[in-house]
Amino acid sequence: MSTMTIIFILLIIAIVGYYAYLSNRRQENQKETQLTTVQTVLARDLKLEYPVSPREVIKYYNEIMKCFYNEELTEEELEGLAKKSRQLFDDELVLANEYDSYLQNLKSEIDMYKLKKRKITNCSVAASTSVDFYSVDGFEFARLSCGYTMMENGKSIPTHLVYLLRQDDKKQWKIYGWDLAENLRINED
């Protein structure tokens, strides 16, 4: 074998080895940069990416709720999620729920979920065509339903909530309130 052939083979081996090294390094970096569910929810900048429809507001709110009740949270993550959820609330709802008492009530509810070993396993937001839009006293409202399935000690528990959203002066839909569907009597007009 000639010297040139040996150099050529060594060069090919070096290139393949370097390529394998870079590929492995890239995969390791991707593993390190994958965000947890909580980090993904917290990373959303609502000033730049506010949900565009009532349905999208509730879908994002459900992501926050799943983090509250299904994930192990640090105090910092819990507070960050609480602040995110309040960004989705109408001003009147925010005023009715002072932050410290909202946070304390939230912690109590999360503790109750953990005590009962309850987790949200499914959230099903009504289709966009099922959103009920209407106006009252110059305000635009949207009403939509959302079904939840929770597991508690291996038992499936269905729950159905109806959310009411109001459009603010920036044309953003904000959660005005909610209740169990069974508690509401909605007129079909």
N, C-alpha and C. Protein backbone atom coordinates (compact mmCIF):
# COMPACT_ATOMS: atom_id res chain seq x y z
N MET A 1 0.83 -1.17 0.00
CA MET A 1 0.00 0.00 0.00
C MET A 1 0.88 1.24 0.00
N SER A 2 0.41 2.19 -0.74
CA SER A 2 1.21 3.41 -0.85
C SER A 2 0.94 4.33 0.34
N THR A 3 1.85 5.22 0.54
CA THR A 3 1.74 6.18 1.62
C THR A 3 0.50 7.06 1.43
N MET A 4 0.23 7.39 0.19
CA MET A 4 -0.92 8.23 -0.15
C MET A 4 -2.22 7.53 0.23
N THR A 5 -2.34 6.23 0.01
CA THR A 5 -3.54 5.47 0.34
C THR A 5 -3.73 5.43 1.85
N ILE A 6 -2.66 5.23 2.58
CA ILE A 6 -2.73 5.17 4.05
C ILE A 6 -3.18 6.53 4.60
N ILE A 7 -2.63 7.60 4.07
CA ILE A 7 -3.02 8.95 4.51
C ILE A 7 -4.49 9.19 4.18
N PHE A 8 -4.93 8.77 3.02
CA PHE A 8 -6.32 8.94 2.60
C PHE A 8 -7.26 8.17 3.53
N ILE A 9 -6.93 6.93 3.88
CA ILE A 9 -7.77 6.11 4.77
C ILE A 9 -7.81 6.74 6.16
N LEU A 10 -6.67 7.21 6.67
CA LEU A 10 -6.64 7.86 7.99
C LEU A 10 -7.47 9.15 7.99
N LEU A 11 -7.42 9.87 6.89
CA LEU A 11 -8.21 11.09 6.76
C LEU A 11 -9.71 10.78 6.80
N ILE A 12 -10.13 9.73 6.10
CA ILE A 12 -11.54 9.32 6.09
C ILE A 12 -11.96 8.89 7.50
N ILE A 13 -11.13 8.12 8.17
CA ILE A 13 -11.44 7.68 9.54
C ILE A 13 -11.56 8.89 10.47
N ALA A 14 -10.69 9.86 10.32
CA ALA A 14 -10.73 11.05 11.16
C ALA A 14 -12.01 11.85 10.91
N ILE A 15 -12.42 11.97 9.65
CA ILE A 15 -13.64 12.72 9.31
C ILE A 15 -14.87 12.00 9.87
N VAL A 16 -14.96 10.69 9.70
CA VAL A 16 -16.09 9.92 10.21
C VAL A 16 -16.13 10.00 11.74
N GLY A 17 -14.99 9.89 12.37
CA GLY A 17 -14.92 9.98 13.83
C GLY A 17 -15.36 11.34 14.33
N TYR A 18 -14.91 12.40 13.66
CA TYR A 18 -15.29 13.75 14.05
C TYR A 18 -16.79 13.96 13.86
N TYR A 19 -17.35 13.46 12.77
CA TYR A 19 -18.78 13.55 12.50
C TYR A 19 -19.57 12.82 13.60
N ALA A 20 -19.12 11.62 13.99
CA ALA A 20 -19.80 10.87 15.05
C ALA A 20 -19.73 11.63 16.38
N TYR A 21 -18.59 12.23 16.65
CA TYR A 21 -18.43 13.03 17.87
C TYR A 21 -19.41 14.21 17.88
N LEU A 22 -19.49 14.93 16.78
CA LEU A 22 -20.40 16.08 16.70
C LEU A 22 -21.87 15.66 16.81
N SER A 23 -22.24 14.56 16.17
CA SER A 23 -23.62 14.07 16.24
C SER A 23 -23.99 13.71 17.67
N ASN A 24 -23.11 13.01 18.35
CA ASN A 24 -23.37 12.61 19.74
C ASN A 24 -23.47 13.84 20.64
N ARG A 25 -22.62 14.81 20.41
CA ARG A 25 -22.62 16.03 21.21
C ARG A 25 -23.93 16.80 20.98
N ARG A 26 -24.41 16.87 19.75
CA ARG A 26 -25.65 17.57 19.43
C ARG A 26 -26.83 16.89 20.12
N GLN A 27 -26.84 15.56 20.14
CA GLN A 27 -27.93 14.83 20.81
C GLN A 27 -27.91 15.09 22.31
N GLU A 28 -26.73 15.13 22.92
CA GLU A 28 -26.63 15.41 24.34
C GLU A 28 -27.13 16.82 24.65
N ASN A 29 -26.79 17.78 23.80
CA ASN A 29 -27.25 19.15 24.00
C ASN A 29 -28.76 19.24 23.88
N GLN A 30 -29.36 18.50 22.95
CA GLN A 30 -30.81 18.52 22.79
C GLN A 30 -31.49 17.94 24.03
N LYS A 31 -30.92 16.87 24.59
CA LYS A 31 -31.49 16.29 25.80
C LYS A 31 -31.46 17.29 26.94
N GLU A 32 -30.36 18.03 27.05
CA GLU A 32 -30.20 19.00 28.13
C GLU A 32 -31.16 20.17 27.97
N THR A 33 -31.50 20.54 26.73
CA THR A 33 -32.32 21.72 26.52
C THR A 33 -33.81 21.43 26.44
N GLN A 34 -34.23 20.17 26.55
CA GLN A 34 -35.65 19.88 26.57
C GLN A 34 -36.26 20.41 27.85
N LEU A 35 -37.35 21.17 27.69
CA LEU A 35 -37.99 21.79 28.84
C LEU A 35 -39.03 20.84 29.45
N THR A 36 -39.22 20.97 30.74
CA THR A 36 -40.28 20.22 31.39
C THR A 36 -41.62 20.86 31.00
N THR A 37 -42.71 20.18 31.31
CA THR A 37 -44.04 20.71 31.03
C THR A 37 -44.21 22.05 31.74
N VAL A 38 -43.82 22.12 32.98
CA VAL A 38 -43.96 23.35 33.76
C VAL A 38 -43.12 24.47 33.14
N GLN A 39 -41.89 24.18 32.77
CA GLN A 39 -41.03 25.19 32.17
C GLN A 39 -41.62 25.70 30.85
N THR A 40 -42.21 24.80 30.06
CA THR A 40 -42.82 25.18 28.79
C THR A 40 -43.99 26.13 29.03
N VAL A 41 -44.84 25.81 30.00
CA VAL A 41 -45.99 26.66 30.31
C VAL A 41 -45.51 28.02 30.83
N LEU A 42 -44.50 28.00 31.69
CA LEU A 42 -43.99 29.26 32.25
C LEU A 42 -43.25 30.10 31.21
N ALA A 43 -42.69 29.47 30.19
CA ALA A 43 -41.90 30.19 29.19
C ALA A 43 -42.75 31.04 28.25
N ARG A 44 -44.04 30.78 28.20
CA ARG A 44 -44.90 31.52 27.28
C ARG A 44 -45.03 32.97 27.75
N ASP A 45 -44.70 33.89 26.86
CA ASP A 45 -44.79 35.32 27.15
C ASP A 45 -46.15 35.81 26.70
N LEU A 46 -47.05 36.02 27.65
CA LEU A 46 -48.42 36.41 27.31
C LEU A 46 -48.52 37.83 26.76
N LYS A 47 -47.50 38.63 26.97
CA LYS A 47 -47.51 39.97 26.37
C LYS A 47 -47.27 39.89 24.87
N LEU A 48 -46.50 38.89 24.45
CA LEU A 48 -46.21 38.72 23.02
C LEU A 48 -47.09 37.67 22.36
N GLU A 49 -47.51 36.67 23.11
CA GLU A 49 -48.25 35.54 22.54
C GLU A 49 -49.54 35.27 23.31
N TYR A 50 -50.38 36.27 23.46
CA TYR A 50 -51.63 36.05 24.19
C TYR A 50 -52.56 35.19 23.31
N PRO A 51 -53.26 34.23 23.90
CA PRO A 51 -54.16 33.38 23.10
C PRO A 51 -55.18 34.23 22.33
N VAL A 52 -55.44 33.83 21.08
CA VAL A 52 -56.23 34.67 20.18
C VAL A 52 -57.74 34.46 20.26
N SER A 53 -58.18 33.41 20.91
CA SER A 53 -59.62 33.13 20.96
C SER A 53 -60.00 32.65 22.36
N PRO A 54 -61.29 32.69 22.70
CA PRO A 54 -61.71 32.16 24.00
C PRO A 54 -61.27 30.71 24.19
N ARG A 55 -61.39 29.92 23.15
CA ARG A 55 -61.01 28.51 23.23
C ARG A 55 -59.52 28.36 23.55
N GLU A 56 -58.68 29.16 22.92
CA GLU A 56 -57.24 29.09 23.15
C GLU A 56 -56.88 29.56 24.57
N VAL A 57 -57.63 30.53 25.08
CA VAL A 57 -57.41 30.98 26.46
C VAL A 57 -57.65 29.82 27.42
N ILE A 58 -58.76 29.12 27.23
CA ILE A 58 -59.09 28.01 28.12
C ILE A 58 -58.12 26.85 27.94
N LYS A 59 -57.67 26.61 26.72
CA LYS A 59 -56.68 25.54 26.50
C LYS A 59 -55.39 25.84 27.27
N TYR A 60 -54.94 27.09 27.23
CA TYR A 60 -53.72 27.46 27.97
C TYR A 60 -53.97 27.40 29.47
N TYR A 61 -55.15 27.85 29.90
CA TYR A 61 -55.50 27.79 31.31
C TYR A 61 -55.50 26.33 31.79
N ASN A 62 -55.98 25.42 30.95
CA ASN A 62 -55.96 23.99 31.29
C ASN A 62 -54.54 23.47 31.42
N GLU A 63 -53.63 23.95 30.59
CA GLU A 63 -52.23 23.55 30.72
C GLU A 63 -51.69 23.98 32.09
N ILE A 64 -52.05 25.18 32.51
CA ILE A 64 -51.63 25.67 33.82
C ILE A 64 -52.23 24.80 34.92
N MET A 65 -53.52 24.50 34.80
CA MET A 65 -54.18 23.68 35.82
C MET A 65 -53.55 22.29 35.91
N LYS A 66 -53.22 21.70 34.77
CA LYS A 66 -52.56 20.38 34.80
C LYS A 66 -51.22 20.47 35.53
N CYS A 67 -50.51 21.56 35.35
CA CYS A 67 -49.26 21.74 36.09
C CYS A 67 -49.53 21.86 37.58
N PHE A 68 -50.55 22.65 37.96
CA PHE A 68 -50.89 22.79 39.38
C PHE A 68 -51.14 21.44 40.03
N TYR A 69 -51.97 20.64 39.40
CA TYR A 69 -52.50 19.45 40.06
C TYR A 69 -51.77 18.15 39.72
N ASN A 70 -50.98 18.14 38.66
CA ASN A 70 -50.33 16.90 38.24
C ASN A 70 -48.83 16.88 38.45
N GLU A 71 -48.21 18.03 38.61
CA GLU A 71 -46.75 18.10 38.67
C GLU A 71 -46.26 18.42 40.08
N GLU A 72 -45.05 18.00 40.37
CA GLU A 72 -44.38 18.41 41.61
C GLU A 72 -43.76 19.77 41.33
N LEU A 73 -44.18 20.78 42.08
CA LEU A 73 -43.76 22.15 41.82
C LEU A 73 -42.89 22.70 42.94
N THR A 74 -41.92 23.49 42.55
CA THR A 74 -41.20 24.27 43.55
C THR A 74 -42.08 25.47 43.91
N GLU A 75 -41.76 26.12 44.98
CA GLU A 75 -42.52 27.32 45.39
C GLU A 75 -42.46 28.38 44.29
N GLU A 76 -41.29 28.52 43.69
CA GLU A 76 -41.10 29.51 42.62
C GLU A 76 -41.96 29.16 41.40
N GLU A 77 -42.02 27.88 41.03
CA GLU A 77 -42.85 27.47 39.89
C GLU A 77 -44.33 27.68 40.19
N LEU A 78 -44.76 27.35 41.40
CA LEU A 78 -46.15 27.53 41.78
C LEU A 78 -46.53 29.01 41.69
N GLU A 79 -45.70 29.87 42.21
CA GLU A 79 -45.98 31.30 42.15
C GLU A 79 -45.98 31.81 40.71
N GLY A 80 -45.06 31.31 39.89
CA GLY A 80 -45.03 31.71 38.48
C GLY A 80 -46.29 31.28 37.74
N LEU A 81 -46.74 30.06 38.01
CA LEU A 81 -47.97 29.56 37.38
C LEU A 81 -49.19 30.35 37.87
N ALA A 82 -49.21 30.69 39.14
CA ALA A 82 -50.31 31.48 39.69
C ALA A 82 -50.38 32.85 39.00
N LYS A 83 -49.23 33.45 38.79
CA LYS A 83 -49.19 34.74 38.09
C LYS A 83 -49.64 34.60 36.64
N LYS A 84 -49.24 33.51 35.99
CA LYS A 84 -49.68 33.26 34.60
C LYS A 84 -51.20 33.10 34.55
N SER A 85 -51.75 32.35 35.49
CA SER A 85 -53.20 32.14 35.46
C SER A 85 -53.93 33.46 35.67
N ARG A 86 -53.43 34.30 36.54
CA ARG A 86 -54.08 35.59 36.80
C ARG A 86 -53.98 36.52 35.60
N GLN A 87 -52.99 36.33 34.75
CA GLN A 87 -52.90 37.12 33.52
C GLN A 87 -54.04 36.78 32.56
N LEU A 88 -54.62 35.62 32.74
CA LEU A 88 -55.75 35.20 31.89
C LEU A 88 -57.09 35.66 32.47
N PHE A 89 -57.08 36.17 33.71
CA PHE A 89 -58.31 36.57 34.39
C PHE A 89 -58.72 37.99 34.01
N ASP A 90 -60.02 38.20 33.96
CA ASP A 90 -60.59 39.53 33.78
C ASP A 90 -60.21 40.39 34.99
N ASP A 91 -60.11 41.69 34.79
CA ASP A 91 -59.74 42.60 35.87
C ASP A 91 -60.64 42.44 37.10
N GLU A 92 -61.94 42.24 36.88
CA GLU A 92 -62.86 42.08 38.01
C GLU A 92 -62.56 40.80 38.79
N LEU A 93 -62.20 39.74 38.10
CA LEU A 93 -61.87 38.48 38.77
C LEU A 93 -60.56 38.63 39.55
N VAL A 94 -59.62 39.35 38.98
CA VAL A 94 -58.35 39.60 39.67
C VAL A 94 -58.60 40.40 40.95
N LEU A 95 -59.45 41.44 40.85
CA LEU A 95 -59.74 42.26 42.03
C LEU A 95 -60.47 41.46 43.11
N ALA A 96 -61.31 40.53 42.70
CA ALA A 96 -62.06 39.71 43.66
C ALA A 96 -61.18 38.64 44.31
N ASN A 97 -60.00 38.40 43.76
CA ASN A 97 -59.09 37.37 44.27
C ASN A 97 -57.72 37.98 44.52
N GLU A 98 -57.57 38.66 45.64
CA GLU A 98 -56.31 39.26 46.02
C GLU A 98 -55.22 38.18 45.95
N TYR A 99 -54.05 38.54 45.46
CA TYR A 99 -53.01 37.56 45.13
C TYR A 99 -52.66 36.62 46.28
N ASP A 100 -52.40 37.15 47.46
CA ASP A 100 -51.97 36.29 48.57
C ASP A 100 -53.05 35.28 48.95
N SER A 101 -54.29 35.71 49.00
CA SER A 101 -55.36 34.76 49.35
C SER A 101 -55.60 33.78 48.20
N TYR A 102 -55.46 34.25 46.94
CA TYR A 102 -55.58 33.36 45.79
C TYR A 102 -54.51 32.26 45.88
N LEU A 103 -53.29 32.66 46.17
CA LEU A 103 -52.18 31.71 46.27
C LEU A 103 -52.41 30.73 47.41
N GLN A 104 -52.86 31.23 48.55
CA GLN A 104 -53.12 30.36 49.70
C GLN A 104 -54.24 29.35 49.39
N ASN A 105 -55.33 29.82 48.78
CA ASN A 105 -56.43 28.92 48.39
C ASN A 105 -55.96 27.88 47.37
N LEU A 106 -55.13 28.33 46.45
CA LEU A 106 -54.59 27.42 45.43
C LEU A 106 -53.74 26.33 46.09
N LYS A 107 -52.88 26.71 47.02
CA LYS A 107 -52.04 25.74 47.72
C LYS A 107 -52.90 24.73 48.47
N SER A 108 -53.95 25.20 49.11
CA SER A 108 -54.85 24.30 49.85
C SER A 108 -55.53 23.32 48.90
N GLU A 109 -55.97 23.82 47.76
CA GLU A 109 -56.63 22.95 46.78
C GLU A 109 -55.65 21.91 46.21
N ILE A 110 -54.43 22.33 45.94
CA ILE A 110 -53.41 21.41 45.43
C ILE A 110 -53.11 20.34 46.47
N ASP A 111 -53.00 20.75 47.73
CA ASP A 111 -52.77 19.78 48.81
C ASP A 111 -53.91 18.78 48.91
N MET A 112 -55.15 19.25 48.73
CA MET A 112 -56.31 18.37 48.77
C MET A 112 -56.26 17.36 47.62
N TYR A 113 -55.87 17.82 46.43
CA TYR A 113 -55.73 16.93 45.28
C TYR A 113 -54.69 15.85 45.56
N LYS A 114 -53.56 16.26 46.12
CA LYS A 114 -52.50 15.30 46.43
C LYS A 114 -52.94 14.30 47.50
N LEU A 115 -53.64 14.79 48.51
CA LEU A 115 -54.14 13.93 49.57
C LEU A 115 -55.10 12.87 49.02
N LYS A 116 -55.93 13.27 48.09
CA LYS A 116 -56.90 12.34 47.48
C LYS A 116 -56.31 11.57 46.30
N LYS A 117 -55.02 11.84 46.02
CA LYS A 117 -54.33 11.22 44.88
C LYS A 117 -55.12 11.43 43.59
N ARG A 118 -55.52 12.67 43.38
CA ARG A 118 -56.33 13.05 42.22
C ARG A 118 -55.44 13.75 41.21
N LYS A 119 -55.62 13.39 39.94
CA LYS A 119 -54.89 14.02 38.84
C LYS A 119 -55.85 14.27 37.69
N ILE A 120 -55.59 15.35 36.94
CA ILE A 120 -56.36 15.63 35.73
C ILE A 120 -55.75 14.80 34.62
N THR A 121 -56.53 13.92 34.03
CA THR A 121 -56.01 13.06 32.96
C THR A 121 -56.42 13.53 31.58
N ASN A 122 -57.50 14.31 31.49
CA ASN A 122 -57.96 14.75 30.18
C ASN A 122 -58.73 16.05 30.31
N CYS A 123 -58.52 16.94 29.35
CA CYS A 123 -59.28 18.19 29.24
C CYS A 123 -59.81 18.27 27.82
N SER A 124 -61.08 18.51 27.70
CA SER A 124 -61.69 18.59 26.37
C SER A 124 -62.46 19.89 26.25
N VAL A 125 -61.88 20.85 25.54
CA VAL A 125 -62.49 22.16 25.35
C VAL A 125 -63.47 22.08 24.19
N ALA A 126 -64.62 22.71 24.34
CA ALA A 126 -65.63 22.71 23.27
C ALA A 126 -65.02 23.23 21.97
N ALA A 127 -65.57 22.75 20.87
CA ALA A 127 -65.12 23.19 19.54
C ALA A 127 -65.38 24.68 19.37
N SER A 128 -64.61 25.31 18.50
CA SER A 128 -64.77 26.75 18.24
C SER A 128 -66.19 27.09 17.82
N THR A 129 -66.83 26.19 17.11
CA THR A 129 -68.20 26.44 16.65
C THR A 129 -69.21 26.36 17.79
N SER A 130 -68.80 25.84 18.93
CA SER A 130 -69.70 25.72 20.08
C SER A 130 -69.55 26.87 21.08
N VAL A 131 -68.74 27.84 20.77
CA VAL A 131 -68.58 28.99 21.65
C VAL A 131 -69.78 29.91 21.45
N ASP A 132 -70.40 30.31 22.55
CA ASP A 132 -71.57 31.18 22.53
C ASP A 132 -71.10 32.62 22.76
N PHE A 133 -71.17 33.45 21.71
CA PHE A 133 -70.78 34.86 21.80
C PHE A 133 -72.02 35.72 21.98
N TYR A 134 -71.92 36.74 22.85
CA TYR A 134 -73.04 37.66 23.02
C TYR A 134 -72.53 38.96 23.64
N SER A 135 -73.37 40.00 23.60
CA SER A 135 -73.03 41.32 24.14
C SER A 135 -73.99 41.68 25.27
N VAL A 136 -73.45 42.30 26.30
CA VAL A 136 -74.25 42.81 27.41
C VAL A 136 -73.62 44.12 27.88
N ASP A 137 -74.42 45.17 27.93
CA ASP A 137 -73.96 46.48 28.43
C ASP A 137 -72.66 46.95 27.78
N GLY A 138 -72.53 46.73 26.50
CA GLY A 138 -71.36 47.18 25.76
C GLY A 138 -70.14 46.27 25.87
N PHE A 139 -70.26 45.17 26.57
CA PHE A 139 -69.16 44.22 26.70
C PHE A 139 -69.42 42.99 25.83
N GLU A 140 -68.36 42.44 25.27
CA GLU A 140 -68.45 41.21 24.49
C GLU A 140 -68.10 40.03 25.40
N PHE A 141 -68.96 39.03 25.40
CA PHE A 141 -68.75 37.84 26.22
C PHE A 141 -68.70 36.60 25.35
N ALA A 142 -68.05 35.58 25.86
CA ALA A 142 -68.02 34.27 25.22
C ALA A 142 -68.20 33.23 26.32
N ARG A 143 -69.03 32.26 26.03
CA ARG A 143 -69.28 31.18 26.98
C ARG A 143 -68.94 29.88 26.28
N LEU A 144 -68.18 29.04 26.97
CA LEU A 144 -67.84 27.74 26.39
C LEU A 144 -67.66 26.72 27.50
N SER A 145 -67.84 25.47 27.13
CA SER A 145 -67.75 24.40 28.12
C SER A 145 -66.46 23.61 27.94
N CYS A 146 -66.11 22.97 29.02
CA CYS A 146 -64.89 22.16 29.03
C CYS A 146 -65.13 20.95 29.91
N GLY A 147 -64.85 19.79 29.36
CA GLY A 147 -64.98 18.56 30.13
C GLY A 147 -63.63 18.13 30.65
N TYR A 148 -63.62 17.64 31.87
CA TYR A 148 -62.39 17.16 32.51
C TYR A 148 -62.61 15.73 32.96
N THR A 149 -61.56 14.95 32.87
CA THR A 149 -61.57 13.63 33.47
C THR A 149 -60.43 13.61 34.47
N MET A 150 -60.78 13.21 35.69
CA MET A 150 -59.78 13.12 36.75
C MET A 150 -59.73 11.69 37.25
N MET A 151 -58.56 11.28 37.65
CA MET A 151 -58.39 9.97 38.26
C MET A 151 -58.16 10.19 39.75
N GLU A 152 -58.93 9.44 40.54
CA GLU A 152 -58.76 9.50 41.99
C GLU A 152 -58.76 8.07 42.50
N ASN A 153 -57.61 7.66 43.00
CA ASN A 153 -57.45 6.28 43.49
C ASN A 153 -57.92 5.25 42.46
N GLY A 154 -57.53 5.46 41.21
CA GLY A 154 -57.86 4.51 40.15
C GLY A 154 -59.27 4.64 39.60
N LYS A 155 -60.03 5.58 40.09
CA LYS A 155 -61.41 5.76 39.64
C LYS A 155 -61.50 7.03 38.78
N SER A 156 -62.18 6.92 37.64
CA SER A 156 -62.35 8.04 36.73
C SER A 156 -63.52 8.91 37.19
N ILE A 157 -63.28 10.23 37.27
CA ILE A 157 -64.30 11.18 37.70
C ILE A 157 -64.46 12.24 36.62
N PRO A 158 -65.62 12.25 35.93
CA PRO A 158 -65.84 13.30 34.93
C PRO A 158 -66.40 14.57 35.58
N THR A 159 -65.95 15.71 35.10
CA THR A 159 -66.43 17.01 35.57
C THR A 159 -66.61 17.89 34.35
N HIS A 160 -67.64 18.71 34.39
CA HIS A 160 -67.94 19.58 33.26
C HIS A 160 -68.08 21.01 33.77
N LEU A 161 -67.22 21.91 33.30
CA LEU A 161 -67.27 23.32 33.69
C LEU A 161 -67.71 24.17 32.52
N VAL A 162 -68.35 25.29 32.82
CA VAL A 162 -68.68 26.29 31.81
C VAL A 162 -67.92 27.55 32.19
N TYR A 163 -67.15 28.06 31.23
CA TYR A 163 -66.35 29.27 31.43
C TYR A 163 -67.03 30.45 30.76
N LEU A 164 -66.93 31.60 31.40
CA LEU A 164 -67.40 32.85 30.83
C LEU A 164 -66.19 33.75 30.67
N LEU A 165 -66.01 34.25 29.46
CA LEU A 165 -64.88 35.14 29.18
C LEU A 165 -65.42 36.48 28.70
N ARG A 166 -64.69 37.53 29.01
CA ARG A 166 -65.07 38.87 28.56
C ARG A 166 -63.89 39.47 27.81
N GLN A 167 -64.21 40.17 26.74
CA GLN A 167 -63.16 40.81 25.95
C GLN A 167 -62.78 42.14 26.59
N ASP A 168 -61.49 42.37 26.78
CA ASP A 168 -61.04 43.61 27.40
C ASP A 168 -60.83 44.70 26.35
N ASP A 169 -60.34 45.85 26.77
CA ASP A 169 -60.15 46.97 25.85
C ASP A 169 -59.05 46.73 24.82
N LYS A 170 -58.22 45.70 25.03
CA LYS A 170 -57.19 45.33 24.06
C LYS A 170 -57.68 44.22 23.12
N LYS A 171 -58.98 43.88 23.23
CA LYS A 171 -59.60 42.82 22.43
C LYS A 171 -59.08 41.43 22.78
N GLN A 172 -58.56 41.30 24.01
CA GLN A 172 -58.11 40.00 24.50
C GLN A 172 -59.22 39.39 25.35
N TRP A 173 -59.41 38.08 25.17
CA TRP A 173 -60.43 37.39 25.95
C TRP A 173 -59.85 37.01 27.31
N LYS A 174 -60.57 37.40 28.36
CA LYS A 174 -60.12 37.14 29.73
C LYS A 174 -61.20 36.33 30.45
N ILE A 175 -60.76 35.44 31.33
CA ILE A 175 -61.69 34.60 32.08
C ILE A 175 -62.41 35.48 33.10
N TYR A 176 -63.73 35.52 32.97
CA TYR A 176 -64.58 36.33 33.85
C TYR A 176 -65.09 35.49 35.02
N GLY A 177 -65.22 34.18 34.78
CA GLY A 177 -65.67 33.28 35.84
C GLY A 177 -65.97 31.90 35.27
N TRP A 178 -66.33 30.97 36.14
CA TRP A 178 -66.69 29.62 35.72
C TRP A 178 -67.53 28.97 36.80
N ASP A 179 -68.23 27.92 36.41
CA ASP A 179 -69.02 27.15 37.36
C ASP A 179 -69.22 25.76 36.80
N LEU A 180 -69.62 24.85 37.68
CA LEU A 180 -69.98 23.51 37.23
C LEU A 180 -71.19 23.62 36.31
N ALA A 181 -71.19 22.89 35.22
CA ALA A 181 -72.29 22.94 34.26
C ALA A 181 -73.62 22.61 34.93
N GLU A 182 -73.61 21.70 35.87
CA GLU A 182 -74.85 21.28 36.54
C GLU A 182 -75.44 22.39 37.40
N ASN A 183 -74.65 23.41 37.75
CA ASN A 183 -75.15 24.53 38.55
C ASN A 183 -75.75 25.64 37.71
N LEU A 184 -75.57 25.55 36.39
CA LEU A 184 -75.99 26.63 35.50
C LEU A 184 -77.25 26.25 34.74
N ARG A 185 -78.02 27.25 34.50
CA ARG A 185 -79.19 27.08 33.65
C ARG A 185 -79.02 28.06 32.50
N ILE A 186 -78.61 27.54 31.36
CA ILE A 186 -78.28 28.39 30.21
C ILE A 186 -79.47 28.40 29.27
N ASN A 187 -79.93 29.62 28.94
CA ASN A 187 -81.03 29.75 27.98
C ASN A 187 -80.54 29.47 26.59
N GLU A 188 -81.25 28.67 25.86
CA GLU A 188 -80.92 28.37 24.47
C GLU A 188 -81.71 29.34 23.59
N ASP A 189 -81.08 30.40 23.10
CA ASP A 189 -81.76 31.39 22.26
C ASP A 189 -81.52 31.11 20.80
